[in-house]
Amino acid sequence: MREIALHILDIAENGIAAGADTISILVNEARKDNLLKLEIKDNGRGIPSNIFKNVTDPFSTTRTTRRVGMGLSLLKAAALRCDGSFDIESEPGKGTKVSAGFRFDHIDRAPLGNMADSVMVLIAGHPDIDFIYTHIIDENDFVLDTSEIKKELEDIPITDSSIMLHLSELIKNALKDIELKGKMS
């Protein structure tokens, strides 16, 4: 995949397909430590142990539409190619957590991509799912919790066009803000 944000979307969609009602996405740009860390966690069904042992094998999948499952294997390969790490934990009935790390300045590291648009795609496509998106750049962070936003909105759907536009701008401005703070520190 050309952008890391596409990996995040893919893994989040897997969690939703597994029945999750909450997806947590953490992007930690620890630039001072030369690391980019990702963590995508869901509270879905989890991965059964007989499938878990081959979960990063691209020719092992539970999908019925095709015989390959490339998402996790591609993320693992991308992370390891960039002197990074990959880990997956899953407990049946409780959910799955996928973690990946990349050396931030590695020449082969794909760009992070447009996280604001990626999060908005998830919210628009799955308004009943709660998303907790945390983005950290060194010591500065931004957290968006759609469950809190939905409480504030009461009867207004989160997918209302004016709300979606506001959320998109909120995320984009927050990311610019923490990026700027990171450069100034």
Foldseek 3Di string as FASTA:
>chain_A
DQAQLVLQLVVVVVLVVLVFQEKEWEWEAQVVVQKTKIKIKTFGQWDDPVQVVCVLPQQGDPDPVDRGDHSNVVQQVLQVVQVKHWDKDTDGNGIIMIMIMGRNPRPSHRHNPDNLVSVLVVCLVCVSGWYWYWYHHNPDIDIDTVVVVCVVVPPDGCNPVVNSVVSSVVVVVSVVVNVVVNVVD
